[in-house]
Amino acid sequence: MTPELTVLTLAALLQAVQFALMAIPTNLELGAGKTLSPRDPERLGGSLQDQVSPRTGRLIRAMNNHFEALILFTIAVLVVTLSGQSGPFTTACAWIYLVARVAYVPVYAYGLTPWRSLIWGVGFFATLAMLLAALL
């Protein structure tokens, strides 16, 4: 397995951790009646995200943001791995992405601005650098 695939695996496990960090407080705050339901906003009186505490709402958004970022990172890892272009630079970029994503969770949860956006940018640009490295 390439180092980039190892980091991708760790990033997927981070997604599972983020799910737990979001799901536990959401269930505690709203109760199983709401979280086990079909979650139709008109039945619940709005979206679940609008009914939780601000921190839990930020954990929900952080998890969703990682789903979005993970798509592009997965593409970058696959391009680098399948093209046989794994190397020290792409490995460093992959680790930078993962460190940024790990740091993103508590920074977002505690609403630390502008750090949330800066950390997001580090992970995003590390992913773009992997893609560009594969093209060059």
C-alpha atoms as a PDB file:
ATOM      1  CA  MET A   1       0.000   0.000   0.000  1.00  0.00           C
ATOM      2  CA  THR A   2       1.317   3.454  -0.859  1.00  0.00           C
ATOM      3  CA  PRO A   3       1.704   5.994   1.946  1.00  0.00           C
ATOM      4  CA  GLU A   4      -1.075   8.035   0.353  1.00  0.00           C
ATOM      5  CA  LEU A   5      -3.449   5.059   0.579  1.00  0.00           C
ATOM      6  CA  THR A   6      -2.512   4.646   4.232  1.00  0.00           C
ATOM      7  CA  VAL A   7      -3.376   8.288   4.865  1.00  0.00           C
ATOM      8  CA  LEU A   8      -6.629   7.864   2.933  1.00  0.00           C
ATOM      9  CA  THR A   9      -7.520   4.945   5.199  1.00  0.00           C
ATOM     10  CA  LEU A  10      -6.771   7.073   8.262  1.00  0.00           C
ATOM     11  CA  ALA A  11      -8.850   9.917   6.809  1.00  0.00           C
ATOM     12  CA  ALA A  12     -11.775   7.505   6.394  1.00  0.00           C
ATOM     13  CA  LEU A  13     -11.369   6.439  10.026  1.00  0.00           C
ATOM     14  CA  LEU A  14     -11.336  10.124  11.000  1.00  0.00           C
ATOM     15  CA  GLN A  15     -14.686  10.408   9.228  1.00  0.00           C
ATOM     16  CA  ALA A  16     -16.031   7.620  11.453  1.00  0.00           C
ATOM     17  CA  VAL A  17     -14.729   9.420  14.548  1.00  0.00           C
ATOM     18  CA  GLN A  18     -16.354  12.639  13.360  1.00  0.00           C
ATOM     19  CA  PHE A  19     -19.625  10.785  12.903  1.00  0.00           C
ATOM     20  CA  ALA A  20     -19.509   9.659  16.541  1.00  0.00           C
ATOM     21  CA  LEU A  21     -18.525  13.143  17.731  1.00  0.00           C
ATOM     22  CA  MET A  22     -21.595  14.482  15.943  1.00  0.00           C
ATOM     23  CA  ALA A  23     -24.074  11.674  16.597  1.00  0.00           C
ATOM     24  CA  ILE A  24     -23.630  11.329  20.349  1.00  0.00           C
ATOM     25  CA  PRO A  25     -24.423  14.933  21.295  1.00  0.00           C
ATOM     26  CA  THR A  26     -27.136  15.130  18.632  1.00  0.00           C
ATOM     27  CA  ASN A  27     -28.893  12.095  20.121  1.00  0.00           C
ATOM     28  CA  LEU A  28     -28.445  13.371  23.672  1.00  0.00           C
ATOM     29  CA  GLU A  29     -29.832  16.800  22.790  1.00  0.00           C
ATOM     30  CA  LEU A  30     -32.752  15.710  20.599  1.00  0.00           C
ATOM     31  CA  GLY A  31     -33.625  12.220  21.765  1.00  0.00           C
ATOM     32  CA  ALA A  32     -34.125   9.035  19.814  1.00  0.00           C
ATOM     33  CA  GLY A  33     -37.652   9.996  18.785  1.00  0.00           C
ATOM     34  CA  LYS A  34     -36.278  12.645  16.487  1.00  0.00           C
ATOM     35  CA  THR A  35     -32.975  11.087  15.448  1.00  0.00           C
ATOM     36  CA  LEU A  36     -34.520   7.703  14.560  1.00  0.00           C
ATOM     37  CA  SER A  37     -37.360   9.296  12.603  1.00  0.00           C
ATOM     38  CA  PRO A  38     -37.391   9.868   8.834  1.00  0.00           C
ATOM     39  CA  ARG A  39     -36.300  13.437   9.703  1.00  0.00           C
ATOM     40  CA  ASP A  40     -38.855  15.199   7.547  1.00  0.00           C
ATOM     41  CA  PRO A  41     -38.317  18.884   8.430  1.00  0.00           C
ATOM     42  CA  GLU A  42     -42.038  19.700   8.372  1.00  0.00           C
ATOM     43  CA  ARG A  43     -42.728  16.907  10.889  1.00  0.00           C
ATOM     44  CA  LEU A  44     -39.850  17.881  13.176  1.00  0.00           C
ATOM     45  CA  GLY A  45     -40.422  21.615  13.106  1.00  0.00           C
ATOM     46  CA  GLY A  46     -37.284  22.307  11.057  1.00  0.00           C
ATOM     47  CA  SER A  47     -34.002  20.598  10.324  1.00  0.00           C
ATOM     48  CA  LEU A  48     -32.273  18.686  13.094  1.00  0.00           C
ATOM     49  CA  GLN A  49     -29.196  20.874  12.682  1.00  0.00           C
ATOM     50  CA  ASP A  50     -31.272  23.937  13.560  1.00  0.00           C
ATOM     51  CA  GLN A  51     -32.475  22.275  16.788  1.00  0.00           C
ATOM     52  CA  VAL A  52     -29.134  21.373  18.351  1.00  0.00           C
ATOM     53  CA  SER A  53     -26.704  23.525  20.316  1.00  0.00           C
ATOM     54  CA  PRO A  54     -24.315  25.736  18.350  1.00  0.00           C
ATOM     55  CA  ARG A  55     -21.331  23.439  19.065  1.00  0.00           C
ATOM     56  CA  THR A  56     -23.205  20.317  17.975  1.00  0.00           C
ATOM     57  CA  GLY A  57     -24.314  22.174  14.841  1.00  0.00           C
ATOM     58  CA  ARG A  58     -20.676  22.994  14.117  1.00  0.00           C
ATOM     59  CA  LEU A  59     -19.747  19.305  14.605  1.00  0.00           C
ATOM     60  CA  ILE A  60     -22.425  18.383  12.071  1.00  0.00           C
ATOM     61  CA  ARG A  61     -21.065  20.926   9.592  1.00  0.00           C
ATOM     62  CA  ALA A  62     -17.458  19.798  10.211  1.00  0.00           C
ATOM     63  CA  MET A  63     -18.431  16.203   9.475  1.00  0.00           C
ATOM     64  CA  ASN A  64     -20.264  17.197   6.291  1.00  0.00           C
ATOM     65  CA  ASN A  65     -17.309  19.341   5.254  1.00  0.00           C
ATOM     66  CA  HIS A  66     -14.978  16.367   5.643  1.00  0.00           C
ATOM     67  CA  PHE A  67     -17.249  14.243   3.444  1.00  0.00           C
ATOM     68  CA  GLU A  68     -16.877  16.935   0.776  1.00  0.00           C
ATOM     69  CA  ALA A  69     -13.103  17.282   1.204  1.00  0.00           C
ATOM     70  CA  LEU A  70     -12.630  13.519   1.302  1.00  0.00           C
ATOM     71  CA  ILE A  71     -14.016  13.190  -2.225  1.00  0.00           C
ATOM     72  CA  LEU A  72     -11.310  15.389  -3.761  1.00  0.00           C
ATOM     73  CA  PHE A  73      -8.610  13.874  -1.540  1.00  0.00           C
ATOM     74  CA  THR A  74      -9.658  10.366  -2.583  1.00  0.00           C
ATOM     75  CA  ILE A  75      -9.406  11.373  -6.236  1.00  0.00           C
ATOM     76  CA  ALA A  76      -5.923  12.794  -5.600  1.00  0.00           C
ATOM     77  CA  VAL A  77      -4.777   9.627  -3.823  1.00  0.00           C
ATOM     78  CA  LEU A  78      -6.135   7.387  -6.563  1.00  0.00           C
ATOM     79  CA  VAL A  79      -4.554   9.465  -9.335  1.00  0.00           C
ATOM     80  CA  VAL A  80      -1.167   9.472  -7.578  1.00  0.00           C
ATOM     81  CA  THR A  81      -1.332   5.761  -6.709  1.00  0.00           C
ATOM     82  CA  LEU A  82      -2.702   4.416  -9.986  1.00  0.00           C
ATOM     83  CA  SER A  83      -0.301   6.507 -12.059  1.00  0.00           C
ATOM     84  CA  GLY A  84       2.642   5.247  -9.992  1.00  0.00           C
ATOM     85  CA  GLN A  85       3.639   8.779  -8.988  1.00  0.00           C
ATOM     86  CA  SER A  86       3.751   8.327  -5.244  1.00  0.00           C
ATOM     87  CA  GLY A  87       6.788  10.027  -3.809  1.00  0.00           C
ATOM     88  CA  PRO A  88       8.023  12.122  -0.897  1.00  0.00           C
ATOM     89  CA  PHE A  89       6.157  15.226  -2.076  1.00  0.00           C
ATOM     90  CA  THR A  90       2.772  13.532  -2.526  1.00  0.00           C
ATOM     91  CA  THR A  91       3.260  11.637   0.733  1.00  0.00           C
ATOM     92  CA  ALA A  92       3.963  14.901   2.571  1.00  0.00           C
ATOM     93  CA  CYS A  93       0.885  16.482   0.984  1.00  0.00           C
ATOM     94  CA  ALA A  94      -1.275  13.558   2.093  1.00  0.00           C
ATOM     95  CA  TRP A  95      -0.050  13.830   5.685  1.00  0.00           C
ATOM     96  CA  ILE A  96      -0.549  17.610   5.629  1.00  0.00           C
ATOM     97  CA  TYR A  97      -4.147  17.025   4.487  1.00  0.00           C
ATOM     98  CA  LEU A  98      -4.782  14.587   7.334  1.00  0.00           C
ATOM     99  CA  VAL A  99      -3.204  16.783  10.009  1.00  0.00           C
ATOM    100  CA  ALA A 100      -5.248  19.731   8.747  1.00  0.00           C
ATOM    101  CA  ARG A 101      -8.462  17.687   8.862  1.00  0.00           C
ATOM    102  CA  VAL A 102      -7.750  16.477  12.396  1.00  0.00           C
ATOM    103  CA  ALA A 103      -7.028  20.057  13.515  1.00  0.00           C
ATOM    104  CA  TYR A 104     -10.140  21.314  11.721  1.00  0.00           C
ATOM    105  CA  VAL A 105     -12.550  19.408  13.968  1.00  0.00           C
ATOM    106  CA  PRO A 106     -11.832  21.056  17.352  1.00  0.00           C
ATOM    107  CA  VAL A 107     -11.116  24.426  15.768  1.00  0.00           C
ATOM    108  CA  TYR A 108     -14.528  24.378  14.081  1.00  0.00           C
ATOM    109  CA  ALA A 109     -16.278  22.897  17.120  1.00  0.00           C
ATOM    110  CA  TYR A 110     -15.066  25.798  19.263  1.00  0.00           C
ATOM    111  CA  GLY A 111     -15.773  28.377  16.560  1.00  0.00           C
ATOM    112  CA  LEU A 112     -12.195  29.647  16.304  1.00  0.00           C
ATOM    113  CA  THR A 113     -12.036  32.130  13.457  1.00  0.00           C
ATOM    114  CA  PRO A 114     -10.173  32.710  11.191  1.00  0.00           C
ATOM    115  CA  TRP A 115      -8.287  29.501  12.060  1.00  0.00           C
ATOM    116  CA  ARG A 116     -11.039  27.225  10.773  1.00  0.00           C
ATOM    117  CA  SER A 117     -10.810  28.708   7.293  1.00  0.00           C
ATOM    118  CA  LEU A 118      -7.009  28.787   7.295  1.00  0.00           C
ATOM    119  CA  ILE A 119      -6.760  25.141   8.357  1.00  0.00           C
ATOM    120  CA  TRP A 120      -9.350  24.172   5.743  1.00  0.00           C
ATOM    121  CA  GLY A 121      -7.228  25.949   3.122  1.00  0.00           C
ATOM    122  CA  VAL A 122      -4.090  24.043   4.139  1.00  0.00           C
ATOM    123  CA  GLY A 123      -5.845  20.716   3.569  1.00  0.00           C
ATOM    124  CA  PHE A 124      -7.431  21.887   0.315  1.00  0.00           C
ATOM    125  CA  PHE A 125      -4.183  23.194  -1.156  1.00  0.00           C
ATOM    126  CA  ALA A 126      -2.298  20.055  -0.088  1.00  0.00           C
ATOM    127  CA  THR A 127      -4.846  18.053  -2.055  1.00  0.00           C
ATOM    128  CA  LEU A 128      -4.512  20.329  -5.086  1.00  0.00           C
ATOM    129  CA  ALA A 129      -0.726  20.015  -4.885  1.00  0.00           C
ATOM    130  CA  MET A 130      -1.052  16.226  -5.073  1.00  0.00           C
ATOM    131  CA  LEU A 131      -3.170  16.522  -8.215  1.00  0.00           C
ATOM    132  CA  LEU A 132      -0.779  18.981  -9.822  1.00  0.00           C
ATOM    133  CA  ALA A 133       2.204  16.775  -8.937  1.00  0.00           C
ATOM    134  CA  ALA A 134       0.540  13.883 -10.727  1.00  0.00           C
ATOM    135  CA  LEU A 135       0.112  15.988 -13.856  1.00  0.00           C
ATOM    136  CA  LEU A 136       3.691  17.203 -13.880  1.00  0.00           C
END
